[in-house]
Amino acid sequence: MEQSTKPIPKHIPDFLDFCEVQKGLRTNTQKNYQHYLHKFTGWLASRNLEGLLPHQLTPEHIWDYRLYLSRYQNPKNGQTLKKSTQNYY
């Protein structure tokens, strides 16, 4: 497979289009995917990784993101994300 030269955040619109056209996913599902991916791209940006290419994403990046999700507290109510919600992300 050819390696992409586009950073991960630049792939999201194409992915969401694929979900709509090829997969026929409902609008609500697409909005949820967009929401989850927005959190991920925000996390990438907070670590100066917004230029990360897909083939550069490592298991360590995924682990760090999982840790971030498990420790995340909603600023409005101070609650952490449930494990099932973390899995959606």
C-alpha atoms as a PDB file:
ATOM      1  CA  MET A   1       0.000   0.000   0.000  1.00  0.00           C
ATOM      2  CA  GLU A   2       1.263   3.457  -0.865  1.00  0.00           C
ATOM      3  CA  GLN A   3       2.086   5.701   2.077  1.00  0.00           C
ATOM      4  CA  SER A   4       0.089   8.892   2.295  1.00  0.00           C
ATOM      5  CA  THR A   5       1.792  12.264   2.345  1.00  0.00           C
ATOM      6  CA  LYS A   6      -1.273  13.893   3.968  1.00  0.00           C
ATOM      7  CA  PRO A   7      -1.339  14.278   7.754  1.00  0.00           C
ATOM      8  CA  ILE A   8      -4.015  12.362   9.649  1.00  0.00           C
ATOM      9  CA  PRO A   9      -6.391  15.340  10.167  1.00  0.00           C
ATOM     10  CA  LYS A  10      -6.512  15.927   6.385  1.00  0.00           C
ATOM     11  CA  HIS A  11      -7.925  12.393   5.904  1.00  0.00           C
ATOM     12  CA  ILE A  12     -10.984  12.972   8.056  1.00  0.00           C
ATOM     13  CA  PRO A  13     -13.212  14.695   5.450  1.00  0.00           C
ATOM     14  CA  ASP A  14     -12.482  11.870   2.976  1.00  0.00           C
ATOM     15  CA  PHE A  15     -13.288   9.290   5.641  1.00  0.00           C
ATOM     16  CA  LEU A  16     -16.585  10.982   6.497  1.00  0.00           C
ATOM     17  CA  ASP A  17     -17.473  11.155   2.787  1.00  0.00           C
ATOM     18  CA  PHE A  18     -16.705   7.429   2.518  1.00  0.00           C
ATOM     19  CA  CYS A  19     -18.987   6.752   5.492  1.00  0.00           C
ATOM     20  CA  GLU A  20     -21.788   8.643   3.789  1.00  0.00           C
ATOM     21  CA  VAL A  21     -21.433   7.401   0.214  1.00  0.00           C
ATOM     22  CA  GLN A  22     -19.952   3.911   0.474  1.00  0.00           C
ATOM     23  CA  LYS A  23     -21.201   2.796   3.866  1.00  0.00           C
ATOM     24  CA  GLY A  24     -24.520   4.666   3.819  1.00  0.00           C
ATOM     25  CA  LEU A  25     -24.205   5.563   7.490  1.00  0.00           C
ATOM     26  CA  ARG A  26     -26.865   7.740   9.025  1.00  0.00           C
ATOM     27  CA  THR A  27     -26.213  11.442   9.476  1.00  0.00           C
ATOM     28  CA  ASN A  28     -26.190  11.076  13.264  1.00  0.00           C
ATOM     29  CA  THR A  29     -23.544   8.349  13.083  1.00  0.00           C
ATOM     30  CA  GLN A  30     -21.403  10.513  10.831  1.00  0.00           C
ATOM     31  CA  LYS A  31     -21.739  13.428  13.263  1.00  0.00           C
ATOM     32  CA  ASN A  32     -20.676  11.170  16.111  1.00  0.00           C
ATOM     33  CA  TYR A  33     -17.629   9.994  14.129  1.00  0.00           C
ATOM     34  CA  GLN A  34     -16.759  13.601  13.382  1.00  0.00           C
ATOM     35  CA  HIS A  35     -17.045  14.453  17.086  1.00  0.00           C
ATOM     36  CA  TYR A  36     -14.807  11.536  18.138  1.00  0.00           C
ATOM     37  CA  LEU A  37     -12.229  12.329  15.478  1.00  0.00           C
ATOM     38  CA  HIS A  38     -12.252  16.013  16.418  1.00  0.00           C
ATOM     39  CA  LYS A  39     -11.217  15.049  19.956  1.00  0.00           C
ATOM     40  CA  PHE A  40      -8.406  12.907  18.525  1.00  0.00           C
ATOM     41  CA  THR A  41      -7.139  15.690  16.262  1.00  0.00           C
ATOM     42  CA  GLY A  42      -7.301  18.079  19.224  1.00  0.00           C
ATOM     43  CA  TRP A  43      -5.169  15.645  21.200  1.00  0.00           C
ATOM     44  CA  LEU A  44      -2.716  15.424  18.278  1.00  0.00           C
ATOM     45  CA  ALA A  45      -2.500  19.224  18.151  1.00  0.00           C
ATOM     46  CA  SER A  46      -1.954  19.484  21.906  1.00  0.00           C
ATOM     47  CA  ARG A  47       1.129  17.296  21.475  1.00  0.00           C
ATOM     48  CA  ASN A  48       2.356  19.039  18.324  1.00  0.00           C
ATOM     49  CA  LEU A  49       1.543  15.934  16.273  1.00  0.00           C
ATOM     50  CA  GLU A  50      -0.970  17.475  13.868  1.00  0.00           C
ATOM     51  CA  GLY A  51       1.461  16.812  10.996  1.00  0.00           C
ATOM     52  CA  LEU A  52       1.672  13.087  11.808  1.00  0.00           C
ATOM     53  CA  LEU A  53       1.237  10.893   8.743  1.00  0.00           C
ATOM     54  CA  PRO A  54      -0.915   7.762   9.034  1.00  0.00           C
ATOM     55  CA  HIS A  55       2.033   5.375   8.689  1.00  0.00           C
ATOM     56  CA  GLN A  56       3.845   7.248  11.491  1.00  0.00           C
ATOM     57  CA  LEU A  57       1.111   6.508  14.031  1.00  0.00           C
ATOM     58  CA  THR A  58       2.548   4.024  16.518  1.00  0.00           C
ATOM     59  CA  PRO A  59       1.117   1.802  19.245  1.00  0.00           C
ATOM     60  CA  GLU A  60       2.697   4.245  21.706  1.00  0.00           C
ATOM     61  CA  HIS A  61       0.621   7.098  20.244  1.00  0.00           C
ATOM     62  CA  ILE A  62      -2.525   5.000  20.622  1.00  0.00           C
ATOM     63  CA  TRP A  63      -1.598   4.074  24.189  1.00  0.00           C
ATOM     64  CA  ASP A  64      -0.945   7.725  25.077  1.00  0.00           C
ATOM     65  CA  TYR A  65      -4.321   8.685  23.606  1.00  0.00           C
ATOM     66  CA  ARG A  66      -6.048   5.913  25.572  1.00  0.00           C
ATOM     67  CA  LEU A  67      -4.394   7.202  28.755  1.00  0.00           C
ATOM     68  CA  TYR A  68      -5.548  10.710  27.909  1.00  0.00           C
ATOM     69  CA  LEU A  69      -9.136   9.488  27.484  1.00  0.00           C
ATOM     70  CA  SER A  70      -9.077   7.497  30.726  1.00  0.00           C
ATOM     71  CA  ARG A  71      -7.853  10.549  32.662  1.00  0.00           C
ATOM     72  CA  TYR A  72      -9.967  13.157  30.868  1.00  0.00           C
ATOM     73  CA  GLN A  73     -12.379  15.064  33.085  1.00  0.00           C
ATOM     74  CA  ASN A  74     -15.298  16.961  31.633  1.00  0.00           C
ATOM     75  CA  PRO A  75     -14.665  20.616  32.530  1.00  0.00           C
ATOM     76  CA  LYS A  76     -18.401  21.194  33.044  1.00  0.00           C
ATOM     77  CA  ASN A  77     -19.005  18.487  35.648  1.00  0.00           C
ATOM     78  CA  GLY A  78     -15.604  16.987  36.500  1.00  0.00           C
ATOM     79  CA  GLN A  79     -16.701  13.494  35.492  1.00  0.00           C
ATOM     80  CA  THR A  80     -14.398  11.089  33.692  1.00  0.00           C
ATOM     81  CA  LEU A  81     -15.388   9.230  30.543  1.00  0.00           C
ATOM     82  CA  LYS A  82     -16.996   5.838  31.009  1.00  0.00           C
ATOM     83  CA  LYS A  83     -15.013   2.925  29.596  1.00  0.00           C
ATOM     84  CA  SER A  84     -17.677   2.359  26.914  1.00  0.00           C
ATOM     85  CA  THR A  85     -17.424   6.008  25.842  1.00  0.00           C
ATOM     86  CA  GLN A  86     -13.635   5.763  25.731  1.00  0.00           C
ATOM     87  CA  ASN A  87     -14.002   2.810  23.376  1.00  0.00           C
ATOM     88  CA  TYR A  88     -16.088   4.918  20.994  1.00  0.00           C
ATOM     89  CA  TYR A  89     -13.277   7.434  20.852  1.00  0.00           C
END
